[in-house]
Amino acid sequence: MTDQSESILYKAIRHIKEMPTDEWKRLTMEFMDDQPYLNGFLINLSEEFGDEEHEALVRVAVMLHHAFKLADVPMRTIVQSTIDDVVRDKVREYEEMDEEDELGVDEMTRMSSSPRVFDDIRRFLKEELNNGIPRDLSEKQNLFLIVEVMIEAYELSAIIGDAYDKNQKENGN
């Protein structure tokens, strides 16, 4: 996301924090309809995280979805193969980094495809989670790995969508 998008991310964060329950339900349903594979991915993670962390991850997914919509960035559906590829690549990156040095939040932020967005979401999660960010390093890494997967998957859906639209125009479709 660009600097302009970051201000939109802040707007999405503020909007989500302040919105009434019925609007939150509408945005959540919109996310579930528009991104069924990402929604399924998050549902499958429900047993990997506590209820509070899992709910916060869903809020992050809806917030990212909302931010892209506010920015009027066209997105394609994030397909399962994209999620699988991003998970594989991020796990590999995290494992390589963890072998060299202990992988803390600062290193995760630097490794992110969008460090500023990652850091904004990290702060959002810190505020959202009553018990705070998990203290256990592996739990923290897992939580932030999923955040990074979502950020990159959304960015790829926008990039792929943009490339697809340009290709369609060039081919006269």
Protein backbone atom coordinates (compact mmCIF):
# COMPACT_ATOMS: atom_id res chain seq x y z
CA MET A 1 0.00 0.00 0.00
CA THR A 2 1.23 3.50 -0.73
CA ASP A 3 1.45 6.43 1.67
CA GLN A 4 -2.02 7.51 0.50
CA SER A 5 -3.33 4.03 1.32
CA GLU A 6 -1.83 4.22 4.79
CA SER A 7 -4.07 7.17 5.60
CA ILE A 8 -6.93 5.10 4.25
CA LEU A 9 -5.84 2.23 6.49
CA TYR A 10 -6.05 4.58 9.48
CA LYS A 11 -9.49 5.64 8.28
CA ALA A 12 -10.55 1.97 8.00
CA ILE A 13 -9.17 1.24 11.48
CA ARG A 14 -11.01 4.18 13.00
CA HIS A 15 -14.19 3.33 11.10
CA ILE A 16 -14.14 -0.30 12.26
CA LYS A 17 -13.54 0.70 15.87
CA GLU A 18 -16.45 3.15 15.82
CA MET A 19 -19.02 1.39 13.65
CA PRO A 20 -22.29 0.04 14.99
CA THR A 21 -22.78 -3.71 15.17
CA ASP A 22 -25.10 -3.88 12.16
CA GLU A 23 -22.54 -2.15 9.95
CA TRP A 24 -19.80 -4.47 11.25
CA LYS A 25 -22.00 -7.45 10.35
CA ARG A 26 -22.57 -6.02 6.85
CA LEU A 27 -18.83 -5.50 6.27
CA THR A 28 -18.06 -8.97 7.59
CA MET A 29 -20.63 -10.53 5.26
CA GLU A 30 -19.22 -8.51 2.35
CA PHE A 31 -15.72 -9.81 3.19
CA MET A 32 -17.00 -13.39 3.42
CA ASP A 33 -18.77 -13.07 0.05
CA ASP A 34 -15.87 -11.33 -1.72
CA GLN A 35 -13.06 -13.41 -0.20
CA PRO A 36 -14.39 -16.92 0.48
CA TYR A 37 -10.96 -18.59 0.33
CA LEU A 38 -9.38 -16.17 2.77
CA ASN A 39 -12.41 -16.56 5.01
CA GLY A 40 -12.02 -20.36 4.84
CA PHE A 41 -8.32 -20.02 5.63
CA LEU A 42 -9.19 -18.01 8.75
CA ILE A 43 -11.91 -20.46 9.78
CA ASN A 44 -9.39 -23.29 9.52
CA LEU A 45 -7.10 -21.37 11.89
CA SER A 46 -9.72 -21.10 14.63
CA GLU A 47 -8.19 -23.97 16.62
CA GLU A 48 -4.65 -22.60 16.25
CA PHE A 49 -5.44 -19.41 18.16
CA GLY A 50 -7.43 -18.42 21.20
CA ASP A 51 -10.88 -16.96 20.56
CA GLU A 52 -9.69 -13.41 21.13
CA GLU A 53 -6.72 -13.70 18.76
CA HIS A 54 -8.82 -15.43 16.11
CA GLU A 55 -11.52 -12.77 16.29
CA ALA A 56 -8.84 -10.07 16.01
CA LEU A 57 -7.43 -11.75 12.89
CA VAL A 58 -10.90 -11.74 11.33
CA ARG A 59 -11.18 -8.04 12.21
CA VAL A 60 -7.84 -7.43 10.49
CA ALA A 61 -9.04 -9.26 7.35
CA VAL A 62 -12.25 -7.23 7.26
CA MET A 63 -10.30 -4.03 7.96
CA LEU A 64 -7.86 -4.69 5.09
CA HIS A 65 -10.80 -5.50 2.80
CA HIS A 66 -12.50 -2.28 3.88
CA ALA A 67 -9.31 -0.22 3.38
CA PHE A 68 -8.89 -1.44 -0.19
CA LYS A 69 -12.54 -0.63 -0.89
CA LEU A 70 -12.15 2.86 0.64
CA ALA A 71 -9.10 3.40 -1.56
CA ASP A 72 -11.16 2.28 -4.56
CA VAL A 73 -8.50 -0.32 -5.37
CA PRO A 74 -9.98 -3.10 -7.51
CA MET A 75 -9.38 -6.55 -6.07
CA ARG A 76 -9.86 -10.03 -7.41
CA THR A 77 -10.89 -12.88 -5.20
CA ILE A 78 -7.86 -14.16 -3.33
CA VAL A 79 -7.71 -17.76 -4.52
CA GLN A 80 -6.48 -20.71 -2.49
CA SER A 81 -3.31 -21.10 -4.56
CA THR A 82 -2.33 -17.51 -3.75
CA ILE A 83 -2.87 -18.12 -0.04
CA ASP A 84 -0.88 -21.36 -0.22
CA ASP A 85 1.99 -19.67 -2.10
CA VAL A 86 2.15 -16.73 0.30
CA VAL A 87 2.02 -19.01 3.36
CA ARG A 88 4.80 -21.19 1.95
CA ASP A 89 6.98 -18.18 1.09
CA LYS A 90 6.40 -16.42 4.42
CA VAL A 91 7.03 -19.57 6.47
CA ARG A 92 10.27 -20.08 4.55
CA GLU A 93 11.31 -16.45 5.16
CA TYR A 94 10.47 -16.66 8.85
CA GLU A 95 12.31 -19.97 9.26
CA GLU A 96 15.42 -18.67 7.48
CA MET A 97 15.43 -15.53 9.58
CA ASP A 98 14.80 -17.46 12.79
CA GLU A 99 17.77 -19.74 12.03
CA GLU A 100 20.07 -16.72 11.75
CA ASP A 101 18.74 -14.81 14.73
CA GLU A 102 15.73 -14.82 17.02
CA LEU A 103 12.84 -13.47 14.98
CA GLY A 104 11.28 -10.62 16.97
CA VAL A 105 8.65 -8.06 16.05
CA ASP A 106 11.20 -5.59 14.66
CA GLU A 107 12.62 -8.21 12.31
CA MET A 108 9.12 -9.29 11.26
CA THR A 109 8.26 -5.66 10.49
CA ARG A 110 11.39 -5.22 8.37
CA MET A 111 10.69 -8.46 6.49
CA SER A 112 7.12 -7.47 5.71
CA SER A 113 6.11 -6.73 2.12
CA SER A 114 4.54 -3.54 3.56
CA PRO A 115 6.34 -2.63 6.80
CA ARG A 116 4.23 0.44 7.58
CA VAL A 117 0.97 -1.39 7.07
CA PHE A 118 2.27 -4.32 9.14
CA ASP A 119 3.29 -1.96 11.94
CA ASP A 120 -0.11 -0.19 11.88
CA ILE A 121 -1.89 -3.53 12.13
CA ARG A 122 0.46 -4.65 14.90
CA ARG A 123 -0.53 -1.55 16.89
CA PHE A 124 -4.20 -2.21 16.11
CA LEU A 125 -3.86 -5.77 17.44
CA LYS A 126 -2.07 -4.55 20.55
CA GLU A 127 -5.07 -2.32 21.28
CA GLU A 128 -7.64 -4.95 20.32
CA LEU A 129 -6.31 -7.84 22.36
CA ASN A 130 -7.29 -7.50 26.02
CA ASN A 131 -4.43 -9.75 27.03
CA GLY A 132 -2.07 -7.95 24.66
CA ILE A 133 0.08 -9.46 21.98
CA PRO A 134 1.09 -13.00 23.02
CA ARG A 135 4.30 -13.01 25.04
CA ASP A 136 5.38 -16.42 23.83
CA LEU A 137 7.64 -15.85 20.82
CA SER A 138 6.24 -18.69 18.71
CA GLU A 139 2.63 -17.57 19.37
CA LYS A 140 3.59 -14.01 18.46
CA GLN A 141 5.33 -15.21 15.29
CA ASN A 142 2.29 -17.27 14.29
CA LEU A 143 -0.07 -14.35 14.82
CA PHE A 144 2.08 -11.96 12.81
CA LEU A 145 2.73 -14.56 10.12
CA ILE A 146 -1.02 -14.68 9.46
CA VAL A 147 -1.16 -10.87 9.42
CA GLU A 148 1.64 -10.80 6.85
CA VAL A 149 -0.07 -13.49 4.76
CA MET A 150 -3.26 -11.42 4.68
CA ILE A 151 -1.44 -8.18 3.76
CA GLU A 152 0.47 -9.81 0.93
CA ALA A 153 -2.53 -11.78 -0.34
CA TYR A 154 -4.62 -8.60 -0.53
CA GLU A 155 -1.81 -6.73 -2.27
CA LEU A 156 -1.41 -9.55 -4.78
CA SER A 157 -5.15 -9.58 -5.46
CA ALA A 158 -4.97 -5.87 -6.26
CA ILE A 159 -1.84 -6.22 -8.40
CA ILE A 160 -3.14 -9.25 -10.25
CA GLY A 161 -6.50 -7.55 -10.68
CA ASP A 162 -4.83 -4.43 -12.08
CA ALA A 163 -2.65 -6.48 -14.45
CA TYR A 164 -5.69 -8.49 -15.56
CA ASP A 165 -7.70 -5.31 -16.23
CA LYS A 166 -4.81 -3.78 -18.24
CA ASN A 167 -4.45 -7.00 -20.24
CA GLN A 168 -8.19 -7.03 -20.96
CA LYS A 169 -8.05 -3.41 -22.20
CA GLU A 170 -5.00 -4.08 -24.36
CA ASN A 171 -6.73 -7.07 -25.95
CA GLY A 172 -9.91 -5.09 -26.56
CA ASN A 173 -12.02 -7.15 -24.14
